[in-house]
Amino acid sequence: MISQVRIRRLGMLGVIMLSAAFFAYLQGDFGFGASDVFGTIISKDEAAIRGATVENVVLYPKKMEHSRERIMRKAVLVRPEGATATVLISHGYMCTKEDIAFLRSLFPNHNSMIFDMRAHGENTEGQYCTFGRDEAFDVMAAAQFLRNHPELKEKPLFVYGFSMGAVAAIEAQAKDKSLFDGMILDCPFDTTENIVKMGLDNLKFSLFGYEFTVPGRSFLQKYVFHPYVQSFVKTMLKTVAKMDTKTIRSFMYPLYPAESVKKISVPLFIIHCKNDKKVTVSAVKRVYKNAASSYKKLWITNGRRHFDSFFYNPESYRRRVAKFAQKLVTGQLDEKKKHKIIQDGEQKTVSVHLHVGHDVVKEQ
């Protein structure tokens, strides 16, 4: 009879052999070393978009900080002929890669990847949206996949993110400064506490013809990260922000992008709507001010709501984004020190404040 010790040894040997086979599979099928597997190409199509190759990709981000477990996220990479750079497009809350496919039109001459954040789009079982905290690992896996792609690894890589996607990009770059060569961020928030505060401040209800604010707001803000309190707060915020937390399982943790951005030094272009009711102008200015980038620019538009700058004035939006991307790709921003705030007037851009050292220049 086989002893129990021998059975255990055989079992352990089987596990080792299966693990070795799995990593050999990763290494051979993905084209990367086992320790560098951030995603794999599952199919290619050279006819879907004229003059471009479309690759369907599965990404493997970490589940969370200090975790060895990985999850699966779906992505689509479009590689036009002659592209000189690559952009990763990072979406906001309650969006999917299909919803943001139109944003690829901002970068017609660049390779572009769109992907589903955790708890969004396909294959969401067991996943939670954390409003940027763990989504940072989704961004990191996508960026590292692109950095290791045999056709792209020599090309500049930058990120375009909005709302939660912008925050996830900030957190990702703060963790690994080698991810991106530049960043375009539309309406990032400064802290999760302020997001909750804005939602509660804007939440009102009517009774007998009178309008009231939510009672106990200070208590709710103070204990918002407690599971029981957060469940109540999420239900209320749903009525303001139209956040369907039943469809997208969510949990909010303390997060401070305005602090994380202090670790970012690559060229930075931030865009924000002055009429945003979810993220204040002062919050975005705090993110801008704290960034360690030598070249950074903030454009405050007349957008009517959260992430509305593109829809409010698509021509100007395309022009400014394309100009920043072009300068970034051609290396014009590498050694350039410039801190610049642009604010739109009622009809047009009326002034530009350029801060270089202690100098302030106004442009009409």
Foldseek 3Di string as FASTA:
>chain_A
DDDPVVVVVVVVVVVVVVVVVVQVCCCVQQVHHSVLQFKRFPDWDCPPDDQKIKTKMWGWFAQAPPGPHTDIKIKIKIGGPPAQAEEEEFEFAPDAQVRCVVVCVLPVRHIYMGIGQALDDPDNPPTAAALQRRSLRVLLSVLSSQCPPPVRVVHAYEYEYEESRLSSVLLNCLVPVPRHQEYEYEDYFFKVLLLLVLLQVPQWDDDPRDIDGDPPSVVLSVPCQPVVSVVVSVVRSCVVVVRPCVSRPYHYDIDGSLQSLLSHAHAYEYEYECQESRHHPVRVVSSLVNHNYQHYEYEYENANYGPRRCVVDVVVVSVVSVVVVVCSRVVVRVPHGWYKYWYADPVGGDWIWIDDPNDTDIDD
